[in-house]
N, C-alpha and C. Protein backbone atom coordinates (compact mmCIF):
# COMPACT_ATOMS: atom_id res chain seq x y z
N UNK A 1 135.91 94.50 112.62
CA UNK A 1 134.62 94.64 113.29
C UNK A 1 134.13 96.08 113.10
N UNK A 2 132.88 96.28 112.64
CA UNK A 2 132.37 97.64 112.43
C UNK A 2 132.34 98.44 113.73
N UNK A 3 132.39 99.78 113.58
CA UNK A 3 132.39 100.66 114.74
C UNK A 3 131.18 100.41 115.63
N UNK A 4 130.00 100.18 115.03
CA UNK A 4 128.80 99.97 115.83
C UNK A 4 128.92 98.70 116.68
N UNK A 5 129.55 97.66 116.11
CA UNK A 5 129.73 96.42 116.88
C UNK A 5 130.71 96.64 118.02
N UNK A 6 131.77 97.40 117.75
CA UNK A 6 132.73 97.71 118.82
C UNK A 6 132.06 98.53 119.92
N UNK A 7 131.25 99.49 119.50
CA UNK A 7 130.56 100.33 120.48
C UNK A 7 129.60 99.48 121.31
N UNK A 8 128.90 98.55 120.64
CA UNK A 8 127.95 97.70 121.36
C UNK A 8 128.69 96.81 122.36
N UNK A 9 129.80 96.23 121.92
CA UNK A 9 130.55 95.36 122.81
C UNK A 9 131.07 96.15 124.02
N UNK A 10 131.62 97.33 123.75
CA UNK A 10 132.15 98.15 124.85
C UNK A 10 131.03 98.55 125.80
N UNK A 11 129.90 98.92 125.23
CA UNK A 11 128.80 99.35 126.08
C UNK A 11 128.26 98.19 126.91
N UNK A 12 128.03 97.04 126.27
CA UNK A 12 127.47 95.91 127.01
C UNK A 12 128.45 95.41 128.07
N UNK A 13 129.76 95.43 127.77
CA UNK A 13 130.73 95.04 128.78
C UNK A 13 130.70 96.03 129.94
N UNK A 14 130.63 97.30 129.63
CA UNK A 14 130.56 98.33 130.66
C UNK A 14 129.28 98.17 131.48
N UNK A 15 128.17 97.94 130.79
CA UNK A 15 126.90 97.81 131.49
C UNK A 15 126.85 96.53 132.32
N UNK A 16 127.43 95.44 131.79
CA UNK A 16 127.38 94.19 132.55
C UNK A 16 128.24 94.28 133.79
N UNK A 17 129.32 95.04 133.71
CA UNK A 17 130.17 95.16 134.89
C UNK A 17 129.50 96.01 135.97
N UNK A 18 128.64 96.95 135.54
CA UNK A 18 127.94 97.77 136.53
C UNK A 18 126.57 97.19 136.88
N UNK A 19 126.18 96.11 136.19
CA UNK A 19 124.93 95.39 136.44
C UNK A 19 123.68 96.25 136.23
N UNK A 20 123.76 97.23 135.35
CA UNK A 20 122.59 98.03 135.00
C UNK A 20 121.84 97.33 133.87
N UNK A 21 120.52 97.38 133.87
CA UNK A 21 119.78 96.81 132.74
C UNK A 21 119.95 97.69 131.50
N UNK A 22 119.77 97.10 130.33
CA UNK A 22 119.86 97.85 129.08
C UNK A 22 118.58 98.65 128.90
N UNK A 23 118.60 99.88 129.33
CA UNK A 23 117.42 100.73 129.29
C UNK A 23 117.86 102.18 129.40
N UNK A 24 117.11 103.06 128.76
CA UNK A 24 117.41 104.49 128.85
C UNK A 24 117.30 104.95 130.31
N UNK A 25 116.47 104.28 131.08
CA UNK A 25 116.33 104.64 132.49
C UNK A 25 117.61 104.37 133.28
N UNK A 26 118.45 103.47 132.78
CA UNK A 26 119.68 103.12 133.48
C UNK A 26 120.87 103.96 133.02
N UNK A 27 120.63 104.84 132.05
CA UNK A 27 121.71 105.64 131.49
C UNK A 27 121.73 107.02 132.13
N UNK A 28 122.91 107.45 132.51
CA UNK A 28 123.07 108.81 133.02
C UNK A 28 123.17 109.72 131.79
N UNK A 29 122.05 110.34 131.42
CA UNK A 29 122.01 111.16 130.20
C UNK A 29 122.84 112.43 130.33
N UNK A 30 123.22 112.78 131.54
CA UNK A 30 124.09 113.95 131.73
C UNK A 30 125.56 113.63 131.45
N UNK A 31 125.88 112.32 131.42
CA UNK A 31 127.24 111.88 131.09
C UNK A 31 127.28 111.64 129.58
N UNK A 32 127.89 112.57 128.86
CA UNK A 32 127.87 112.53 127.40
C UNK A 32 128.44 111.21 126.85
N UNK A 33 129.51 110.72 127.43
CA UNK A 33 130.13 109.48 126.97
C UNK A 33 129.20 108.29 127.15
N UNK A 34 128.58 108.19 128.32
CA UNK A 34 127.67 107.08 128.58
C UNK A 34 126.45 107.15 127.66
N UNK A 35 125.93 108.36 127.45
CA UNK A 35 124.78 108.53 126.58
C UNK A 35 125.12 108.18 125.13
N UNK A 36 126.30 108.60 124.66
CA UNK A 36 126.73 108.29 123.30
C UNK A 36 126.90 106.78 123.11
N UNK A 37 127.46 106.11 124.11
CA UNK A 37 127.61 104.65 124.04
C UNK A 37 126.25 103.99 123.94
N UNK A 38 125.32 104.44 124.75
CA UNK A 38 123.97 103.89 124.73
C UNK A 38 123.33 104.11 123.35
N UNK A 39 123.45 105.32 122.81
CA UNK A 39 122.85 105.62 121.52
C UNK A 39 123.50 104.80 120.40
N UNK A 40 124.77 104.52 120.50
CA UNK A 40 125.43 103.67 119.50
C UNK A 40 124.82 102.28 119.49
N UNK A 41 124.53 101.76 120.67
CA UNK A 41 123.90 100.44 120.77
C UNK A 41 122.48 100.49 120.21
N UNK A 42 121.74 101.53 120.55
CA UNK A 42 120.36 101.67 120.06
C UNK A 42 120.36 101.72 118.54
N UNK A 43 121.24 102.51 117.96
CA UNK A 43 121.30 102.65 116.50
C UNK A 43 121.72 101.33 115.87
N UNK A 44 122.67 100.62 116.44
CA UNK A 44 123.11 99.34 115.89
C UNK A 44 121.97 98.32 115.93
N UNK A 45 121.22 98.29 117.03
CA UNK A 45 120.09 97.36 117.14
C UNK A 45 119.00 97.72 116.13
N UNK A 46 118.75 99.02 115.97
CA UNK A 46 117.76 99.46 114.99
C UNK A 46 118.17 99.10 113.58
N UNK A 47 119.46 99.22 113.30
CA UNK A 47 119.98 98.87 111.98
C UNK A 47 119.78 97.39 111.71
N UNK A 48 120.01 96.54 112.70
CA UNK A 48 119.79 95.10 112.54
C UNK A 48 118.32 94.81 112.23
N UNK A 49 117.42 95.47 112.96
CA UNK A 49 115.98 95.26 112.73
C UNK A 49 115.57 95.72 111.34
N UNK A 50 116.08 96.87 110.93
CA UNK A 50 115.77 97.39 109.60
C UNK A 50 116.20 96.41 108.52
N UNK A 51 117.42 95.92 108.61
CA UNK A 51 117.91 94.98 107.61
C UNK A 51 117.09 93.69 107.61
N UNK A 52 116.67 93.23 108.76
CA UNK A 52 115.84 92.03 108.83
C UNK A 52 114.48 92.28 108.15
N UNK A 53 113.91 93.47 108.34
CA UNK A 53 112.63 93.78 107.71
C UNK A 53 112.77 93.90 106.20
N UNK A 54 113.87 94.48 105.75
CA UNK A 54 114.11 94.57 104.31
C UNK A 54 114.24 93.17 103.71
N UNK A 55 115.01 92.31 104.36
CA UNK A 55 115.16 90.93 103.88
C UNK A 55 113.82 90.21 103.83
N UNK A 56 112.98 90.44 104.83
CA UNK A 56 111.65 89.82 104.85
C UNK A 56 110.79 90.34 103.70
N UNK A 57 110.83 91.64 103.44
CA UNK A 57 110.06 92.21 102.33
C UNK A 57 110.55 91.66 100.99
N UNK A 58 111.83 91.42 100.86
CA UNK A 58 112.37 90.81 99.64
C UNK A 58 111.87 89.37 99.52
N UNK A 59 111.93 88.60 100.61
CA UNK A 59 111.46 87.21 100.60
C UNK A 59 109.99 87.11 100.24
N UNK A 60 109.17 88.05 100.72
CA UNK A 60 107.73 88.04 100.43
C UNK A 60 107.41 88.61 99.06
N UNK A 61 108.42 89.09 98.34
CA UNK A 61 108.20 89.62 97.00
C UNK A 61 107.56 90.99 96.99
N UNK A 62 107.69 91.73 98.08
CA UNK A 62 107.12 93.07 98.16
C UNK A 62 108.05 94.09 97.49
N UNK A 63 109.35 93.92 97.70
CA UNK A 63 110.35 94.78 97.06
C UNK A 63 111.43 93.90 96.45
N UNK A 64 112.20 94.49 95.51
CA UNK A 64 113.35 93.76 94.97
C UNK A 64 114.60 94.15 95.76
N UNK A 65 115.74 93.62 95.38
CA UNK A 65 116.98 93.88 96.12
C UNK A 65 117.42 95.34 96.07
N UNK A 66 116.89 96.10 95.12
CA UNK A 66 117.23 97.52 95.02
C UNK A 66 116.23 98.40 95.77
N UNK A 67 115.20 97.76 96.36
CA UNK A 67 114.21 98.51 97.13
C UNK A 67 113.01 98.96 96.32
N UNK A 68 112.94 98.55 95.05
CA UNK A 68 111.80 98.91 94.22
C UNK A 68 110.57 98.12 94.61
N UNK A 69 109.44 98.79 94.68
CA UNK A 69 108.18 98.17 95.06
C UNK A 69 107.72 97.24 93.94
N UNK A 70 107.45 95.98 94.27
CA UNK A 70 106.99 95.00 93.29
C UNK A 70 105.49 94.77 93.37
N UNK A 71 104.96 94.81 94.55
CA UNK A 71 103.53 94.58 94.76
C UNK A 71 102.84 95.90 95.04
N UNK A 72 101.75 96.13 94.33
CA UNK A 72 101.01 97.37 94.55
C UNK A 72 99.59 97.12 95.07
N UNK A 73 99.14 95.86 95.03
CA UNK A 73 97.80 95.58 95.50
C UNK A 73 97.74 95.65 97.02
N UNK A 74 96.59 96.03 97.52
CA UNK A 74 96.38 96.14 98.96
C UNK A 74 95.92 94.80 99.53
N UNK A 75 96.21 94.54 100.78
CA UNK A 75 95.65 93.35 101.43
C UNK A 75 94.12 93.45 101.42
N UNK A 76 93.46 92.30 101.48
CA UNK A 76 92.00 92.26 101.40
C UNK A 76 91.31 93.23 102.36
N UNK A 77 91.74 93.26 103.60
CA UNK A 77 91.05 94.08 104.60
C UNK A 77 91.28 95.58 104.41
N UNK A 78 92.16 95.97 103.50
CA UNK A 78 92.43 97.39 103.27
C UNK A 78 91.77 97.90 101.98
N UNK A 79 91.14 97.01 101.24
CA UNK A 79 90.53 97.42 99.97
C UNK A 79 89.24 98.19 100.21
N UNK A 80 88.88 99.00 99.23
CA UNK A 80 87.72 99.88 99.32
C UNK A 80 86.43 99.12 99.66
N UNK A 81 86.23 97.97 99.05
CA UNK A 81 84.98 97.22 99.23
C UNK A 81 84.99 96.31 100.45
N UNK A 82 86.07 96.26 101.17
CA UNK A 82 86.20 95.36 102.32
C UNK A 82 85.32 95.81 103.48
N UNK A 83 84.77 94.81 104.16
CA UNK A 83 84.02 95.11 105.37
C UNK A 83 85.01 95.00 106.52
N UNK A 84 85.22 96.10 107.20
CA UNK A 84 86.23 96.15 108.24
C UNK A 84 85.58 96.37 109.60
N UNK A 85 86.18 95.77 110.58
CA UNK A 85 85.74 95.98 111.94
C UNK A 85 86.99 96.37 112.73
N UNK A 86 87.02 97.59 113.20
CA UNK A 86 88.19 98.05 113.93
C UNK A 86 88.06 97.82 115.42
N UNK A 87 87.10 97.03 115.81
CA UNK A 87 86.95 96.67 117.23
C UNK A 87 86.36 97.76 118.08
N UNK A 88 85.81 98.78 117.48
CA UNK A 88 85.30 99.90 118.25
C UNK A 88 83.88 99.90 118.37
């Protein structure tokens, strides 16, 4: 099990036993250990989201598996000649 997964499991078990919600507001930032555990979970969650977005960009044909940009055209509403309404 990767270190981030172990950290997440330890943190969530610790947090569930103390019944605190998963939020920076519930973390004692003066307690270095508690703050580090929280940040490990935040980084692990961010890493999951990043990988999901990369996989989505690959599925849509925007990038290849090496991260090279495949599509260079802009969406219709971003093109120079597009009529845009920004709601203002």
